[in-house]
Amino acid sequence: MGLFDLFKKKEEKGMDVNPTQGSTKAADIPKSGVTYKVATRGTNLNCRKGPDIKSEIVGKFANGSEVSLVAKHSDKWHLVKNAEVSGYCHTDWLELVSNA
């Protein structure tokens, strides 16, 4: 079964198949240049596959390192990246550096 078939089944069941809909709205997609500093008081910040503490850890950001904002998932979770990894981080551990 291909991707088209999956969308067709969801559509037949009355489910929304519009890939542009979801928790990230166009207004939440940042302009380039938004940078955060990791502020974890000495430990590494877990970078996760999804916006949840139970989601798989895909990498870590060192305390004091800078990451770029990709998208704001919610007030508490942002999708961020550096040169090596991208994933979701909790905003309690991110301090705004620049908002170009």
Foldseek 3Di string as FASTA:
>chain_A
DDPVVVLVVCVVVVHDPPPQDDQFHPVFAADWDWKWAFAPPFQWFFFFAAADPVGHGPDTHGHGDMWTFGGDSDQQWTWIGDPPDIHITGCVGIHTDDRD
